[in-house]
């Protein structure tokens, strides 16, 4: 339950920060960035807080960890598909 409350608290804080950024004139680039981070935090909090199976919906941290450990394979696929194709 703490994960869900923490994620919702972060969402509200990000919302307030976005309003402040827009009023200060910094909204063009920072608001979309902060929104994306808030969505990822909300996703992580709800998946962990509700104990959703990683098979159904993995948390963003697990997805990022898999990408990092698969970089050599992904790079080889990129070279074959984009650079040679």
PDB file of N, CA and C in Angstrom:
ATOM      1  N   UNK A   1       0.825  -1.198   0.000  1.00  0.00           N
ATOM      2  CA  UNK A   1       0.000   0.000   0.000  1.00  0.00           C
ATOM      3  C   UNK A   1       0.868   1.260   0.000  1.00  0.00           C
ATOM      4  N   UNK A   2       2.050   1.160   0.626  1.00  0.00           N
ATOM      5  CA  UNK A   2       2.940   2.320   0.693  1.00  0.00           C
ATOM      6  C   UNK A   2       3.415   2.720  -0.702  1.00  0.00           C
ATOM      7  N   UNK A   3       3.587   1.725  -1.591  1.00  0.00           N
ATOM      8  CA  UNK A   3       4.003   2.021  -2.967  1.00  0.00           C
ATOM      9  C   UNK A   3       2.944   2.851  -3.681  1.00  0.00           C
ATOM     10  N   UNK A   4       1.676   2.515  -3.488  1.00  0.00           N
ATOM     11  CA  UNK A   4       0.586   3.232  -4.157  1.00  0.00           C
ATOM     12  C   UNK A   4       0.482   4.650  -3.618  1.00  0.00           C
ATOM     13  N   UNK A   5       0.537   4.802  -2.316  1.00  0.00           N
ATOM     14  CA  UNK A   5       0.450   6.136  -1.708  1.00  0.00           C
ATOM     15  C   UNK A   5       1.633   6.995  -2.141  1.00  0.00           C
ATOM     16  N   UNK A   6       2.822   6.400  -2.140  1.00  0.00           N
ATOM     17  CA  UNK A   6       4.003   7.140  -2.585  1.00  0.00           C
ATOM     18  C   UNK A   6       3.910   7.564  -4.043  1.00  0.00           C
ATOM     19  N   UNK A   7       3.409   6.667  -4.891  1.00  0.00           N
ATOM     20  CA  UNK A   7       3.265   6.997  -6.306  1.00  0.00           C
ATOM     21  C   UNK A   7       2.244   8.112  -6.506  1.00  0.00           C
ATOM     22  N   UNK A   8       1.138   8.043  -5.796  1.00  0.00           N
ATOM     23  CA  UNK A   8       0.126   9.100  -5.908  1.00  0.00           C
ATOM     24  C   UNK A   8       0.639  10.430  -5.368  1.00  0.00           C
ATOM     25  N   UNK A   9       1.404  10.394  -4.290  1.00  0.00           N
ATOM     26  CA  UNK A   9       1.988  11.622  -3.736  1.00  0.00           C
ATOM     27  C   UNK A   9       2.960  12.239  -4.732  1.00  0.00           C
ATOM     28  N   UNK A  10       3.758  11.393  -5.387  1.00  0.00           N
ATOM     29  CA  UNK A  10       4.677  11.912  -6.402  1.00  0.00           C
ATOM     30  C   UNK A  10       3.906  12.518  -7.563  1.00  0.00           C
ATOM     31  N   UNK A  11       2.813  11.880  -7.974  1.00  0.00           N
ATOM     32  CA  UNK A  11       1.989  12.394  -9.076  1.00  0.00           C
ATOM     33  C   UNK A  11       1.460  13.786  -8.732  1.00  0.00           C
ATOM     34  N   UNK A  12       0.941  13.968  -7.526  1.00  0.00           N
ATOM     35  CA  UNK A  12       0.413  15.273  -7.113  1.00  0.00           C
ATOM     36  C   UNK A  12       1.533  16.308  -7.060  1.00  0.00           C
ATOM     37  N   UNK A  13       2.687  15.926  -6.532  1.00  0.00           N
ATOM     38  CA  UNK A  13       3.821  16.855  -6.470  1.00  0.00           C
ATOM     39  C   UNK A  13       4.283  17.246  -7.875  1.00  0.00           C
ATOM     40  N   UNK A  14       4.296  16.287  -8.790  1.00  0.00           N
ATOM     41  CA  UNK A  14       4.687  16.591 -10.172  1.00  0.00           C
ATOM     42  C   UNK A  14       3.666  17.509 -10.828  1.00  0.00           C
ATOM     43  N   UNK A  15       2.407  17.313 -10.519  1.00  0.00           N
ATOM     44  CA  UNK A  15       1.354  18.159 -11.077  1.00  0.00           C
ATOM     45  C   UNK A  15       1.548  19.604 -10.603  1.00  0.00           C
ATOM     46  N   UNK A  16       1.794  19.779  -9.331  1.00  0.00           N
ATOM     47  CA  UNK A  16       2.030  21.123  -8.785  1.00  0.00           C
ATOM     48  C   UNK A  16       3.286  21.734  -9.409  1.00  0.00           C
ATOM     49  N   UNK A  17       4.329  20.935  -9.542  1.00  0.00           N
ATOM     50  CA  UNK A  17       5.564  21.434 -10.159  1.00  0.00           C
ATOM     51  C   UNK A  17       5.322  21.846 -11.604  1.00  0.00           C
ATOM     52  N   UNK A  18       4.511  21.085 -12.331  1.00  0.00           N
ATOM     53  CA  UNK A  18       4.201  21.446 -13.718  1.00  0.00           C
ATOM     54  C   UNK A  18       3.469  22.773 -13.801  1.00  0.00           C
ATOM     55  N   UNK A  19       2.525  22.988 -12.915  1.00  0.00           N
ATOM     56  CA  UNK A  19       1.797  24.265 -12.903  1.00  0.00           C
ATOM     57  C   UNK A  19       2.764  25.416 -12.643  1.00  0.00           C
ATOM     58  N   UNK A  20       3.661  25.248 -11.696  1.00  0.00           N
ATOM     59  CA  UNK A  20       4.642  26.287 -11.382  1.00  0.00           C
ATOM     60  C   UNK A  20       5.566  26.534 -12.575  1.00  0.00           C
ATOM     61  N   UNK A  21       6.018  25.455 -13.225  1.00  0.00           N
ATOM     62  CA  UNK A  21       6.906  25.593 -14.385  1.00  0.00           C
ATOM     63  C   UNK A  21       6.230  26.316 -15.537  1.00  0.00           C
ATOM     64  N   UNK A  22       4.967  26.019 -15.782  1.00  0.00           N
ATOM     65  CA  UNK A  22       4.238  26.682 -16.871  1.00  0.00           C
ATOM     66  C   UNK A  22       4.082  28.167 -16.572  1.00  0.00           C
ATOM     67  N   UNK A  23       3.736  28.488 -15.352  1.00  0.00           N
ATOM     68  CA  UNK A  23       3.557  29.905 -14.987  1.00  0.00           C
ATOM     69  C   UNK A  23       4.870  30.676 -15.049  1.00  0.00           C
ATOM     70  N   UNK A  24       5.984  29.983 -14.817  1.00  0.00           N
ATOM     71  CA  UNK A  24       7.297  30.627 -14.864  1.00  0.00           C
ATOM     72  C   UNK A  24       7.859  30.683 -16.283  1.00  0.00           C
ATOM     73  N   UNK A  25       7.197  30.048 -17.229  1.00  0.00           N
ATOM     74  CA  UNK A  25       7.638  30.085 -18.619  1.00  0.00           C
ATOM     75  C   UNK A  25       8.616  28.995 -19.002  1.00  0.00           C
ATOM     76  N   UNK A  26       8.769  27.963 -18.169  1.00  0.00           N
ATOM     77  CA  UNK A  26       9.690  26.871 -18.461  1.00  0.00           C
ATOM     78  C   UNK A  26       8.968  25.598 -18.900  1.00  0.00           C
ATOM     79  N   UNK A  27       7.737  25.745 -19.318  1.00  0.00           N
ATOM     80  CA  UNK A  27       6.920  24.576 -19.583  1.00  0.00           C
ATOM     81  C   UNK A  27       7.171  23.857 -20.879  1.00  0.00           C
ATOM     82  N   UNK A  28       7.828  24.479 -21.826  1.00  0.00           N
ATOM     83  CA  UNK A  28       7.964  23.886 -23.159  1.00  0.00           C
ATOM     84  C   UNK A  28       8.684  22.533 -23.147  1.00  0.00           C
ATOM     85  N   UNK A  29       9.747  22.404 -22.390  1.00  0.00           N
ATOM     86  CA  UNK A  29      10.515  21.162 -22.379  1.00  0.00           C
ATOM     87  C   UNK A  29      10.419  20.418 -21.043  1.00  0.00           C
ATOM     88  N   UNK A  30      10.329  21.147 -19.949  1.00  0.00           N
ATOM     89  CA  UNK A  30      10.350  20.505 -18.645  1.00  0.00           C
ATOM     90  C   UNK A  30       9.039  19.813 -18.287  1.00  0.00           C
ATOM     91  N   UNK A  31       7.914  20.365 -18.727  1.00  0.00           N
ATOM     92  CA  UNK A  31       6.628  19.759 -18.395  1.00  0.00           C
ATOM     93  C   UNK A  31       6.483  18.367 -19.016  1.00  0.00           C
ATOM     94  N   UNK A  32       6.772  18.176 -20.309  1.00  0.00           N
ATOM     95  CA  UNK A  32       6.685  16.804 -20.845  1.00  0.00           C
ATOM     96  C   UNK A  32       7.662  15.839 -20.177  1.00  0.00           C
ATOM     97  N   UNK A  33       8.850  16.309 -19.854  1.00  0.00           N
ATOM     98  CA  UNK A  33       9.828  15.460 -19.182  1.00  0.00           C
ATOM     99  C   UNK A  33       9.324  15.037 -17.807  1.00  0.00           C
ATOM    100  N   UNK A  34       8.836  15.991 -17.033  1.00  0.00           N
ATOM    101  CA  UNK A  34       8.324  15.691 -15.700  1.00  0.00           C
ATOM    102  C   UNK A  34       7.087  14.801 -15.774  1.00  0.00           C
ATOM    103  N   UNK A  35       6.249  15.007 -16.779  1.00  0.00           N
ATOM    104  CA  UNK A  35       5.068  14.163 -16.951  1.00  0.00           C
ATOM    105  C   UNK A  35       5.477  12.716 -17.226  1.00  0.00           C
ATOM    106  N   UNK A  36       6.461  12.523 -18.100  1.00  0.00           N
ATOM    107  CA  UNK A  36       6.929  11.173 -18.403  1.00  0.00           C
ATOM    108  C   UNK A  36       7.498  10.478 -17.183  1.00  0.00           C
ATOM    109  N   UNK A  37       8.272  11.198 -16.404  1.00  0.00           N
ATOM    110  CA  UNK A  37       8.836  10.625 -15.178  1.00  0.00           C
ATOM    111  C   UNK A  37       7.711  10.277 -14.200  1.00  0.00           C
ATOM    112  N   UNK A  38       6.717  11.152 -14.095  1.00  0.00           N
ATOM    113  CA  UNK A  38       5.598  10.897 -13.186  1.00  0.00           C
ATOM    114  C   UNK A  38       4.810   9.662 -13.607  1.00  0.00           C
ATOM    115  N   UNK A  39       4.617   9.464 -14.903  1.00  0.00           N
ATOM    116  CA  UNK A  39       3.905   8.275 -15.379  1.00  0.00           C
ATOM    117  C   UNK A  39       4.687   7.012 -15.020  1.00  0.00           C
ATOM    118  N   UNK A  40       6.002   7.045 -15.196  1.00  0.00           N
ATOM    119  CA  UNK A  40       6.824   5.884 -14.852  1.00  0.00           C
ATOM    120  C   UNK A  40       6.782   5.586 -13.353  1.00  0.00           C
ATOM    121  N   UNK A  41       6.829   6.625 -12.521  1.00  0.00           N
ATOM    122  CA  UNK A  41       6.762   6.431 -11.071  1.00  0.00           C
ATOM    123  C   UNK A  41       5.394   5.875 -10.668  1.00  0.00           C
ATOM    124  N   UNK A  42       4.347   6.404 -11.265  1.00  0.00           N
ATOM    125  CA  UNK A  42       2.999   5.913 -10.978  1.00  0.00           C
ATOM    126  C   UNK A  42       2.862   4.446 -11.389  1.00  0.00           C
ATOM    127  N   UNK A  43       3.350   4.091 -12.555  1.00  0.00           N
ATOM    128  CA  UNK A  43       3.327   2.713 -13.051  1.00  0.00           C
ATOM    129  C   UNK A  43       4.086   1.788 -12.086  1.00  0.00           C
ATOM    130  N   UNK A  44       5.299   2.191 -11.712  1.00  0.00           N
ATOM    131  CA  UNK A  44       6.110   1.385 -10.796  1.00  0.00           C
ATOM    132  C   UNK A  44       5.386   1.201  -9.463  1.00  0.00           C
ATOM    133  N   UNK A  45       4.840   2.271  -8.927  1.00  0.00           N
ATOM    134  CA  UNK A  45       4.165   2.208  -7.635  1.00  0.00           C
ATOM    135  C   UNK A  45       2.945   1.313  -7.639  1.00  0.00           C
ATOM    136  N   UNK A  46       2.139   1.405  -8.683  1.00  0.00           N
ATOM    137  CA  UNK A  46       0.932   0.587  -8.736  1.00  0.00           C
ATOM    138  C   UNK A  46       1.253  -0.882  -8.990  1.00  0.00           C
ATOM    139  N   UNK A  47       2.214  -1.161  -9.855  1.00  0.00           N
ATOM    140  CA  UNK A  47       2.572  -2.554 -10.124  1.00  0.00           C
ATOM    141  C   UNK A  47       3.126  -3.207  -8.859  1.00  0.00           C
ATOM    142  N   UNK A  48       3.986  -2.515  -8.155  1.00  0.00           N
ATOM    143  CA  UNK A  48       4.559  -3.081  -6.923  1.00  0.00           C
ATOM    144  C   UNK A  48       3.539  -3.095  -5.792  1.00  0.00           C
ATOM    145  N   UNK A  49       2.765  -2.030  -5.677  1.00  0.00           N
ATOM    146  CA  UNK A  49       1.780  -1.938  -4.592  1.00  0.00           C
ATOM    147  C   UNK A  49       0.647  -2.933  -4.704  1.00  0.00           C
ATOM    148  N   UNK A  50       0.244  -3.259  -5.926  1.00  0.00           N
ATOM    149  CA  UNK A  50      -0.841  -4.213  -6.132  1.00  0.00           C
ATOM    150  C   UNK A  50      -0.338  -5.624  -6.394  1.00  0.00           C
ATOM    151  N   UNK A  51       0.993  -5.821  -6.327  1.00  0.00           N
ATOM    152  CA  UNK A  51       1.611  -7.126  -6.563  1.00  0.00           C
ATOM    153  C   UNK A  51       1.183  -7.750  -7.884  1.00  0.00           C
ATOM    154  N   UNK A  52       1.203  -6.956  -8.931  1.00  0.00           N
ATOM    155  CA  UNK A  52       0.870  -7.444 -10.265  1.00  0.00           C
ATOM    156  C   UNK A  52       2.007  -8.342 -10.741  1.00  0.00           C
ATOM    157  N   UNK A  53       1.651  -9.481 -11.308  1.00  0.00           N
ATOM    158  CA  UNK A  53       2.669 -10.409 -11.799  1.00  0.00           C
ATOM    159  C   UNK A  53       3.501  -9.754 -12.897  1.00  0.00           C
ATOM    160  N   UNK A  54       4.805  -9.997 -12.862  1.00  0.00           N
ATOM    161  CA  UNK A  54       5.705  -9.425 -13.872  1.00  0.00           C
ATOM    162  C   UNK A  54       5.399  -9.969 -15.258  1.00  0.00           C
ATOM    163  N   UNK A  55       4.738 -11.127 -15.333  1.00  0.00           N
ATOM    164  CA  UNK A  55       4.352 -11.679 -16.632  1.00  0.00           C
ATOM    165  C   UNK A  55       3.244 -10.831 -17.253  1.00  0.00           C
ATOM    166  N   UNK A  56       2.357 -10.340 -16.431  1.00  0.00           N
ATOM    167  CA  UNK A  56       1.236  -9.532 -16.927  1.00  0.00           C
ATOM    168  C   UNK A  56       1.674  -8.104 -17.219  1.00  0.00           C
ATOM    169  N   UNK A  57       2.341  -7.483 -16.252  1.00  0.00           N
ATOM    170  CA  UNK A  57       2.799  -6.103 -16.419  1.00  0.00           C
ATOM    171  C   UNK A  57       4.053  -5.883 -15.587  1.00  0.00           C
ATOM    172  N   UNK A  58       5.226  -5.952 -16.224  1.00  0.00           N
ATOM    173  CA  UNK A  58       6.459  -5.744 -15.458  1.00  0.00           C
ATOM    174  C   UNK A  58       6.630  -4.269 -15.090  1.00  0.00           C
ATOM    175  N   UNK A  59       7.281  -4.012 -13.959  1.00  0.00           N
ATOM    176  CA  UNK A  59       7.546  -2.616 -13.599  1.00  0.00           C
ATOM    177  C   UNK A  59       8.610  -2.024 -14.528  1.00  0.00           C
ATOM    178  N   UNK A  60       8.615  -0.708 -14.689  1.00  0.00           N
ATOM    179  CA  UNK A  60       9.608  -0.067 -15.557  1.00  0.00           C
ATOM    180  C   UNK A  60      11.042  -0.391 -15.165  1.00  0.00           C
ATOM    181  N   UNK A  61      11.308  -0.570 -13.873  1.00  0.00           N
ATOM    182  CA  UNK A  61      12.669  -0.881 -13.447  1.00  0.00           C
ATOM    183  C   UNK A  61      13.124  -2.236 -13.986  1.00  0.00           C
ATOM    184  N   UNK A  62      12.221  -3.213 -14.057  1.00  0.00           N
ATOM    185  CA  UNK A  62      12.574  -4.528 -14.603  1.00  0.00           C
ATOM    186  C   UNK A  62      12.806  -4.447 -16.105  1.00  0.00           C
ATOM    187  N   UNK A  63      12.015  -3.627 -16.781  1.00  0.00           N
ATOM    188  CA  UNK A  63      12.198  -3.447 -18.229  1.00  0.00           C
ATOM    189  C   UNK A  63      13.547  -2.795 -18.501  1.00  0.00           C
ATOM    190  N   UNK A  64      13.869  -1.760 -17.736  1.00  0.00           N
ATOM    191  CA  UNK A  64      15.151  -1.069 -17.916  1.00  0.00           C
ATOM    192  C   UNK A  64      16.322  -2.009 -17.635  1.00  0.00           C
ATOM    193  N   UNK A  65      16.200  -2.825 -16.593  1.00  0.00           N
ATOM    194  CA  UNK A  65      17.273  -3.772 -16.261  1.00  0.00           C
ATOM    195  C   UNK A  65      17.473  -4.772 -17.399  1.00  0.00           C
ATOM    196  N   UNK A  66      16.407  -5.230 -18.014  1.00  0.00           N
ATOM    197  CA  UNK A  66      16.518  -6.173 -19.131  1.00  0.00           C
ATOM    198  C   UNK A  66      17.169  -5.501 -20.338  1.00  0.00           C
ATOM    199  N   UNK A  67      16.826  -4.258 -20.603  1.00  0.00           N
ATOM    200  CA  UNK A  67      17.443  -3.533 -21.724  1.00  0.00           C
ATOM    201  C   UNK A  67      18.942  -3.388 -21.489  1.00  0.00           C
ATOM    202  N   UNK A  68      19.319  -3.007 -20.277  1.00  0.00           N
ATOM    203  CA  UNK A  68      20.741  -2.805 -19.968  1.00  0.00           C
ATOM    204  C   UNK A  68      21.533  -4.107 -20.117  1.00  0.00           C
ATOM    205  N   UNK A  69      20.960  -5.220 -19.658  1.00  0.00           N
ATOM    206  CA  UNK A  69      21.677  -6.488 -19.768  1.00  0.00           C
ATOM    207  C   UNK A  69      21.678  -7.039 -21.192  1.00  0.00           C
ATOM    208  N   UNK A  70      20.818  -6.521 -22.062  1.00  0.00           N
ATOM    209  CA  UNK A  70      20.726  -7.010 -23.441  1.00  0.00           C
ATOM    210  C   UNK A  70      21.384  -6.072 -24.449  1.00  0.00           C
ATOM    211  N   UNK A  71      22.158  -5.093 -23.993  1.00  0.00           N
ATOM    212  CA  UNK A  71      22.741  -4.106 -24.908  1.00  0.00           C
ATOM    213  C   UNK A  71      23.593  -4.713 -26.023  1.00  0.00           C
ATOM    214  N   UNK A  72      24.455  -5.686 -25.772  1.00  0.00           N
ATOM    215  CA  UNK A  72      25.235  -6.251 -26.879  1.00  0.00           C
ATOM    216  C   UNK A  72      24.350  -6.865 -27.974  1.00  0.00           C
ATOM    217  N   UNK A  73      23.325  -7.585 -27.576  1.00  0.00           N
ATOM    218  CA  UNK A  73      22.407  -8.185 -28.550  1.00  0.00           C
ATOM    219  C   UNK A  73      21.641  -7.103 -29.307  1.00  0.00           C
ATOM    220  N   UNK A  74      21.153  -6.104 -28.574  1.00  0.00           N
ATOM    221  CA  UNK A  74      20.412  -5.024 -29.221  1.00  0.00           C
ATOM    222  C   UNK A  74      21.291  -4.243 -30.189  1.00  0.00           C
ATOM    223  N   UNK A  75      22.548  -4.020 -29.826  1.00  0.00           N
ATOM    224  CA  UNK A  75      23.467  -3.313 -30.714  1.00  0.00           C
ATOM    225  C   UNK A  75      23.713  -4.128 -31.988  1.00  0.00           C
ATOM    226  N   UNK A  76      23.925  -5.417 -31.848  1.00  0.00           N
ATOM    227  CA  UNK A  76      24.117  -6.270 -33.020  1.00  0.00           C
ATOM    228  C   UNK A  76      22.892  -6.267 -33.933  1.00  0.00           C
ATOM    229  N   UNK A  77      21.712  -6.303 -33.346  1.00  0.00           N
ATOM    230  CA  UNK A  77      20.482  -6.237 -34.142  1.00  0.00           C
ATOM    231  C   UNK A  77      20.351  -4.890 -34.836  1.00  0.00           C
ATOM    232  N   UNK A  78      20.716  -3.809 -34.142  1.00  0.00           N
ATOM    233  CA  UNK A  78      20.667  -2.476 -34.736  1.00  0.00           C
ATOM    234  C   UNK A  78      21.597  -2.381 -35.940  1.00  0.00           C
ATOM    235  N   UNK A  79      22.811  -2.876 -35.780  1.00  0.00           N
ATOM    236  CA  UNK A  79      23.792  -2.826 -36.872  1.00  0.00           C
ATOM    237  C   UNK A  79      23.284  -3.603 -38.067  1.00  0.00           C
ATOM    238  N   UNK A  80      22.769  -4.805 -37.838  1.00  0.00           N
ATOM    239  CA  UNK A  80      22.291  -5.643 -38.933  1.00  0.00           C
ATOM    240  C   UNK A  80      21.061  -5.032 -39.617  1.00  0.00           C
ATOM    241  N   UNK A  81      20.152  -4.480 -38.855  1.00  0.00           N
ATOM    242  CA  UNK A  81      18.900  -3.992 -39.421  1.00  0.00           C
ATOM    243  C   UNK A  81      19.043  -2.601 -40.048  1.00  0.00           C
ATOM    244  N   UNK A  82      19.679  -1.686 -39.348  1.00  0.00           N
ATOM    245  CA  UNK A  82      19.725  -0.284 -39.788  1.00  0.00           C
ATOM    246  C   UNK A  82      20.955   0.005 -40.651  1.00  0.00           C
ATOM    247  N   UNK A  83      22.107  -0.370 -40.170  1.00  0.00           N
ATOM    248  CA  UNK A  83      23.337   0.025 -40.868  1.00  0.00           C
ATOM    249  C   UNK A  83      23.615  -0.837 -42.098  1.00  0.00           C
ATOM    250  N   UNK A  84      23.306  -2.125 -42.026  1.00  0.00           N
ATOM    251  CA  UNK A  84      23.567  -2.993 -43.163  1.00  0.00           C
ATOM    252  C   UNK A  84      22.350  -3.209 -44.039  1.00  0.00           C
ATOM    253  N   UNK A  85      21.166  -2.949 -43.475  1.00  0.00           N
ATOM    254  CA  UNK A  85      19.925  -3.211 -44.211  1.00  0.00           C
ATOM    255  C   UNK A  85      19.533  -2.102 -45.061  1.00  0.00           C
TER     256      UNK A  85
END
